[in-house]
Amino acid sequence: FVIAKSSSSSMAELEPGVYEHYKSTEGNRKLYKVLLLAQLATEDSQVVVIYSPMYSLESSEGQPNFYARTLENFTEAVLVDGKSMPRFRRVS
């Protein structure tokens, strides 16, 4: 995916695929499929990532679940036990 940000000439990029959340554990992997990038129809035209869990959710009642997170938040690093790691890392 490549989306142009209207406020600057820089490009926002994210590879399509499957991503794992940093809170995953060996017995409970939190995998998400990135579906698309979208640009908000706001003054700052933020780019958001639309993604869906690849694990079942008890509250979904058979309905697909979709989430949106700003690209900046999706790709930022988080601090866990004093160690910096990506919030989501691409696994396939």
Protein backbone atom coordinates (compact mmCIF):
# COMPACT_ATOMS: atom_id res chain seq x y z
CA PHE A 1 0.00 0.00 0.00
CA VAL A 2 1.12 3.53 -0.61
CA ILE A 3 -1.00 6.53 0.31
CA ALA A 4 0.04 10.13 -0.29
CA LYS A 5 -0.41 12.44 2.66
CA SER A 6 -1.99 15.67 1.49
CA SER A 7 -0.21 17.79 4.10
CA SER A 8 3.27 16.93 2.82
CA SER A 9 5.08 15.28 -0.03
CA SER A 10 6.06 12.27 2.08
CA MET A 11 4.41 8.93 1.47
CA ALA A 12 2.87 6.60 4.06
CA GLU A 13 3.73 2.95 3.49
CA LEU A 14 2.75 -0.35 5.07
CA GLU A 15 3.22 -3.79 3.59
CA PRO A 16 0.00 -5.79 3.29
CA GLY A 17 -0.04 -9.08 5.16
CA VAL A 18 -0.37 -10.68 8.57
CA TYR A 19 0.90 -8.87 11.67
CA GLU A 20 1.39 -10.05 15.22
CA HIS A 21 0.60 -7.80 18.19
CA TYR A 22 3.32 -7.38 20.82
CA LYS A 23 1.02 -8.81 23.53
CA SER A 24 0.95 -12.22 21.82
CA THR A 25 2.12 -15.22 23.77
CA GLU A 26 3.22 -18.61 22.53
CA GLY A 27 -0.12 -20.14 23.55
CA ASN A 28 -2.26 -17.16 22.54
CA ARG A 29 -1.05 -15.54 19.34
CA LYS A 30 -2.73 -12.29 18.40
CA LEU A 31 -2.56 -12.22 14.60
CA TYR A 32 -4.23 -9.58 12.46
CA LYS A 33 -4.66 -9.21 8.71
CA VAL A 34 -4.06 -5.72 7.39
CA LEU A 35 -6.83 -5.09 4.88
CA LEU A 36 -6.21 -1.57 3.65
CA LEU A 37 -5.07 1.94 4.40
CA ALA A 38 -7.58 4.77 4.39
CA GLN A 39 -7.25 8.51 4.57
CA LEU A 40 -9.56 10.30 7.00
CA ALA A 41 -11.66 13.09 5.55
CA THR A 42 -10.39 15.59 8.09
CA GLU A 43 -8.19 18.67 7.92
CA ASP A 44 -5.03 16.73 8.77
CA SER A 45 -5.95 13.79 6.46
CA GLN A 46 -4.54 11.18 8.83
CA VAL A 47 -3.87 7.75 7.36
CA VAL A 48 -5.46 4.84 9.21
CA VAL A 49 -4.86 1.11 9.00
CA ILE A 50 -7.95 -1.09 8.69
CA TYR A 51 -7.27 -4.56 10.04
CA SER A 52 -9.10 -7.65 11.26
CA PRO A 53 -8.24 -10.26 13.92
CA MET A 54 -7.43 -13.74 12.64
CA TYR A 55 -8.53 -15.33 15.92
CA SER A 56 -12.08 -15.83 17.13
CA LEU A 57 -13.65 -13.29 19.43
CA GLU A 58 -16.34 -14.39 21.86
CA SER A 59 -18.25 -11.14 21.40
CA SER A 60 -18.35 -11.31 17.59
CA GLU A 61 -21.34 -13.69 17.30
CA GLY A 62 -20.18 -14.79 13.86
CA GLN A 63 -19.78 -11.24 12.59
CA PRO A 64 -16.47 -10.03 11.18
CA ASN A 65 -14.60 -7.55 13.35
CA PHE A 66 -12.62 -4.69 11.91
CA TYR A 67 -10.38 -2.22 13.66
CA ALA A 68 -8.90 1.12 12.64
CA ARG A 69 -5.73 2.59 14.09
CA THR A 70 -3.67 5.50 12.85
CA LEU A 71 -0.71 4.43 10.77
CA GLU A 72 1.56 6.25 13.20
CA ASN A 73 0.17 4.28 16.14
CA PHE A 74 0.15 0.95 14.25
CA THR A 75 3.82 1.26 13.29
CA GLU A 76 5.21 2.83 16.48
CA ALA A 77 7.47 1.10 18.97
CA VAL A 78 6.29 0.25 22.48
CA LEU A 79 8.40 -0.21 25.61
CA VAL A 80 8.01 -3.62 27.27
CA ASP A 81 10.17 -4.48 30.29
CA GLY A 82 12.58 -1.73 29.28
CA LYS A 83 12.92 -3.08 25.74
CA SER A 84 11.65 -1.28 22.64
CA MET A 85 9.68 -3.40 20.17
CA PRO A 86 7.18 -2.77 17.38
CA ARG A 87 3.50 -2.65 18.40
CA PHE A 88 2.79 -4.91 15.39
CA ARG A 89 5.38 -6.94 13.49
CA ARG A 90 4.82 -8.42 10.06
CA VAL A 91 4.90 -12.23 10.10
CA SER A 92 3.73 -13.01 6.56
